[in-house]
Structures are given as C-alpha cells and as structure tokens.
Protein backbone atom coordinates (compact mmCIF):
# COMPACT_ATOMS: atom_id res chain seq x y z
CA UNK A 1 0.33 -0.05 -0.06
CA UNK A 2 0.89 3.70 -0.97
CA UNK A 3 1.88 6.12 1.23
CA UNK A 4 -0.19 8.25 -0.12
CA UNK A 5 -3.38 5.60 -0.03
CA UNK A 6 -2.86 4.97 3.75
CA UNK A 7 -2.79 8.80 4.60
CA UNK A 8 -6.31 8.78 2.93
CA UNK A 9 -7.90 5.79 4.72
CA UNK A 10 -6.61 7.02 7.73
CA UNK A 11 -8.17 10.28 6.93
CA UNK A 12 -11.76 8.60 6.22
CA UNK A 13 -11.32 6.42 9.03
CA UNK A 14 -11.12 9.55 11.40
CA UNK A 15 -14.13 11.46 9.40
CA UNK A 16 -16.55 8.14 10.81
CA UNK A 17 -15.64 9.50 14.65
CA UNK A 18 -16.34 13.04 13.78
CA UNK A 19 -20.21 13.33 14.56
CA UNK A 20 -20.76 17.75 14.08
CA UNK A 21 -23.24 18.82 16.74
CA UNK A 22 -23.39 22.41 15.09
CA UNK A 23 -22.41 22.56 11.34
CA UNK A 24 -20.60 25.92 9.80
CA UNK A 25 -19.54 27.08 6.35
CA UNK A 26 -15.63 26.49 7.52
CA UNK A 27 -15.77 24.49 10.31
CA UNK A 28 -18.22 21.81 12.40
CA UNK A 29 -18.54 22.33 16.34
CA UNK A 30 -18.10 18.22 17.43
CA UNK A 31 -18.55 16.61 20.71
CA UNK A 32 -15.04 15.98 21.94
CA UNK A 33 -13.41 12.84 21.32
CA UNK A 34 -10.82 11.43 23.55
CA UNK A 35 -8.42 10.48 21.00
CA UNK A 36 -7.92 13.93 20.70
CA UNK A 37 -6.85 13.94 24.88
CA UNK A 38 -3.16 14.32 23.59
CA UNK A 39 -3.97 17.65 21.28
CA UNK A 40 -6.11 19.08 23.50
CA UNK A 41 -2.96 18.59 25.98
CA UNK A 42 -0.50 20.39 23.65
CA UNK A 43 -3.11 23.10 23.32
CA UNK A 44 -3.40 23.64 26.90
CA UNK A 45 0.31 23.28 28.17
CA UNK A 46 1.56 25.43 24.37
CA UNK A 47 3.13 28.36 25.78
CA UNK A 48 1.71 30.75 22.79
CA UNK A 49 -1.78 29.15 23.33
CA UNK A 50 -2.66 29.64 27.10
CA UNK A 51 -1.00 32.82 26.77
CA UNK A 52 -4.73 34.57 26.76
CA UNK A 53 -6.28 31.49 27.96
CA UNK A 54 -4.71 32.33 30.90
CA UNK A 55 -3.89 28.68 31.56
CA UNK A 56 -1.06 29.02 34.21
CA UNK A 57 -0.74 25.71 35.47
CA UNK A 58 0.12 22.60 33.63
CA UNK A 59 -1.51 19.80 32.88
CA UNK A 60 -1.07 16.19 32.37
CA UNK A 61 -2.47 13.72 29.64
CA UNK A 62 -4.23 11.96 32.66
CA UNK A 63 -5.69 15.20 33.80
CA UNK A 64 -6.87 16.40 30.45
CA UNK A 65 -8.34 12.75 29.32
CA UNK A 66 -10.79 13.07 32.75
CA UNK A 67 -12.27 15.84 30.56
CA UNK A 68 -14.10 13.48 28.62
CA UNK A 69 -15.31 11.45 31.23
CA UNK A 70 -19.42 11.07 31.06
CA UNK A 71 -21.03 13.30 33.76
CA UNK A 72 -23.24 11.35 36.39
CA UNK A 73 -26.90 10.83 35.22
CA UNK A 74 -28.78 13.83 36.47
CA UNK A 75 -25.85 15.87 37.09
CA UNK A 76 -26.28 19.68 35.72
CA UNK A 77 -23.61 20.83 33.47
CA UNK A 78 -21.97 24.08 34.55
CA UNK A 79 -20.32 24.03 31.05
CA UNK A 80 -20.65 22.99 27.77
CA UNK A 81 -17.62 22.21 25.41
CA UNK A 82 -17.12 21.39 21.79
CA UNK A 83 -13.70 21.08 19.76
CA UNK A 84 -13.64 22.93 16.36
CA UNK A 85 -13.11 20.69 13.44
CA UNK A 86 -12.00 22.22 10.06
CA UNK A 87 -13.57 20.45 7.36
CA UNK A 88 -11.25 20.94 4.59
CA UNK A 89 -8.62 20.05 6.76
CA UNK A 90 -10.10 17.36 8.42
CA UNK A 91 -8.91 18.41 11.67
CA UNK A 92 -9.24 19.53 14.93
CA UNK A 93 -8.27 22.72 15.61
CA UNK A 94 -9.43 24.60 18.61
CA UNK A 95 -11.93 24.46 21.59
CA UNK A 96 -15.24 26.92 22.14
CA UNK A 97 -17.93 26.46 25.15
CA UNK A 98 -19.99 27.89 27.75
CA UNK A 99 -18.59 28.11 30.78
CA UNK A 100 -20.07 29.10 34.68
CA UNK A 101 -23.52 28.32 33.26
CA UNK A 102 -25.85 30.09 35.18
CA UNK A 103 -29.71 27.88 34.45
CA UNK A 104 -31.68 29.81 36.69
CA UNK A 105 -30.48 33.56 35.44
CA UNK A 106 -30.05 32.10 32.25
CA UNK A 107 -26.57 33.33 31.48
CA UNK A 108 -22.96 31.85 30.57
CA UNK A 109 -19.37 32.88 29.63
CA UNK A 110 -18.44 31.96 26.23
CA UNK A 111 -14.73 31.13 25.73
CA UNK A 112 -13.05 29.84 22.65
CA UNK A 113 -9.41 29.06 21.78
CA UNK A 114 -7.67 27.88 18.53
CA UNK A 115 -4.73 25.58 19.43
CA UNK A 116 -3.45 25.32 16.17
CA UNK A 117 -1.56 28.72 15.32
CA UNK A 118 -1.79 28.60 11.43
CA UNK A 119 -5.43 29.37 12.04
CA UNK A 120 -5.05 32.80 13.67
CA UNK A 121 -6.35 35.65 12.59
CA UNK A 122 -8.71 33.84 9.77
CA UNK A 123 -11.69 34.39 11.08
CA UNK A 124 -12.35 30.96 12.48
CA UNK A 125 -12.91 32.15 16.32
CA UNK A 126 -16.02 34.64 14.57
CA UNK A 127 -17.49 31.98 13.11
CA UNK A 128 -17.17 29.60 15.64
CA UNK A 129 -18.78 32.16 18.18
CA UNK A 130 -21.45 32.98 16.01
CA UNK A 131 -22.29 29.53 16.17
CA UNK A 132 -22.11 29.20 19.72
CA UNK A 133 -24.08 32.50 20.56
CA UNK A 134 -27.01 31.03 18.21
CA UNK A 135 -27.08 28.09 20.12
CA UNK A 136 -27.02 29.35 23.49
CA UNK A 137 -29.71 31.78 22.37
CA UNK A 138 -32.10 29.46 20.28
CA UNK A 139 -31.49 26.16 21.76
CA UNK A 140 -30.25 26.55 25.49
CA UNK A 141 -32.55 29.74 25.79
CA UNK A 142 -29.45 31.83 27.32
CA UNK A 143 -31.08 35.32 27.99
CA UNK A 144 -27.25 36.89 28.66
CA UNK A 145 -23.99 36.08 27.28
CA UNK A 146 -20.56 37.14 28.65
CA UNK A 147 -17.13 37.58 27.49
CA UNK A 148 -14.20 38.43 29.18
CA UNK A 149 -10.93 40.22 27.77
CA UNK A 150 -7.76 41.56 29.12
CA UNK A 151 -6.42 44.44 28.02
CA UNK A 152 -3.48 42.83 25.54
CA UNK A 153 -5.59 40.49 23.84
CA UNK A 154 -6.61 43.45 21.04
CA UNK A 155 -7.86 40.45 19.01
CA UNK A 156 -10.04 39.27 21.58
CA UNK A 157 -11.46 42.98 22.22
CA UNK A 158 -11.71 43.91 18.26
CA UNK A 159 -13.91 40.46 18.42
CA UNK A 160 -16.06 40.90 21.02
CA UNK A 161 -17.46 44.07 19.50
CA UNK A 162 -17.64 42.74 16.12
CA UNK A 163 -19.98 40.02 17.22
CA UNK A 164 -22.36 42.44 18.92
CA UNK A 165 -21.24 42.32 22.85
CA UNK A 166 -21.26 46.04 24.08
CA UNK A 167 -19.15 46.73 27.63
CA UNK A 168 -20.58 46.44 30.86
CA UNK A 169 -17.53 47.19 32.17
CA UNK A 170 -13.47 47.58 33.21
CA UNK A 171 -12.22 45.64 36.39
CA UNK A 172 -8.89 47.59 37.20
CA UNK A 173 -5.78 45.39 37.40
CA UNK A 174 -7.42 42.35 37.87
CA UNK A 175 -5.21 39.93 35.43
CA UNK A 176 -1.32 39.29 36.19
CA UNK A 177 0.36 38.65 32.82
CA UNK A 178 3.77 38.52 32.07
CA UNK A 179 4.98 40.25 35.27
CA UNK A 180 2.11 43.01 34.78
CA UNK A 181 -1.24 43.57 36.39
CA UNK A 182 -4.23 44.69 33.57
CA UNK A 183 -7.42 45.65 33.09
CA UNK A 184 -10.05 42.79 32.48
CA UNK A 185 -13.03 44.29 29.96
CA UNK A 186 -16.35 42.78 30.24
CA UNK A 187 -18.78 42.33 27.72
CA UNK A 188 -22.15 41.13 27.39
CA UNK A 189 -24.39 40.31 24.70
CA UNK A 190 -27.93 39.95 25.38
CA UNK A 191 -30.74 37.84 23.54
CA UNK A 192 -33.00 40.63 22.49
CA UNK A 193 -30.22 42.95 21.38
CA UNK A 194 -28.47 39.77 19.15
CA UNK A 195 -32.13 39.36 17.92
CA UNK A 196 -32.47 42.83 16.33
CA UNK A 197 -29.06 42.75 15.21
CA UNK A 198 -30.05 39.55 13.28
CA UNK A 199 -32.98 40.92 11.84
C-alpha cells in the first residue's frame, strides 16, 4: 500500500469518528473525542496558545483525559464544550464553549481557543463564536452571554465588539500577565439585542 493511499484511508477512518453537533461553513462544532486528548493536552500546555487563555498550571495527559469522561446521570452541567473541527483540513483545531452556566438566571460565559497557530487571524474564532451564540440563544434559551478579555488581547477585544457584545465595565488591574497587572474588560450580549441585529 502506498503512503498516499494509507493517509487517505486514515483520514476517512477519522471522519467516521466525527459527529457534527453544529454545522458551519468552514468548521463544525463536534462533541469532544477522547482520541483527541493528546492534542487538547498540547494546546493547554503550549506557551503561545495558553498565554491569552490564562492556563497557568501545567496539565498532564491523565488530567485532560478525565475531561472526556461522561457526567453522572442527572448532574446539571455548568459548562458545555465543543471541539472546533476544520472541514477542509479534516482536523480538530481548537475548542469553544460556555462556562459558568447559570441555569436559573439564564447566563453563561463564552470562551474560544484556536490551538493551532496557523489558523489564527483567519476568522475561525469568529465563525465558531457565531455558531455558539446562536446555539446559546435558540437552543439553550440563554438570556445573556458574557465574555471577559484582558487589555493586551487586542484581537479578542475587536472580535467581541464585532460580534455585537457591549462593554459592561472594566475591572482594573484584575489579571496578572507577564509580570504586569492588566484590566479585564467585561462584555455582554443580550438575546433581545442579538435578535435585533440578526433581523
């Protein structure tokens, strides 16, 4: 068997394990797959990737694998996470989700990480965020989606505004990064405003 044929078969086999939960134009959002634990561990420990994600503790492969274990029956989720799967490249390239979900007050914090630097600056996080926001408001019935960005992360500050988030406040010197304290900008997007923007 030629190397090219083997690569093609490996790709086809991998596609059999990918079950899109939310479909996009360039990417799909898929449930996490334990076979991607090594990749997820790489992203969590990569100095460039974790810099703005603020993963300040090293994470072992065993710790990351535990994240793929199913929740006990009837346990309320306080987070929902997806793998960002690039359709053309046929590979996982990052993660997106909601954390700190408050099911009573109907709000959650959105986060996104593109783990493969060659996909930075290509609109992938924006597309994934739009899919996630739509899911949050139309399927989870959230009232408000929150986002926090600290000052040096200029790309994320621009992205939040582009997605329709409005600044609710600034937490002064809230985050310690690279030996300095930085402000954290708190953004929010309400379902009613999102619907108006979408009309």
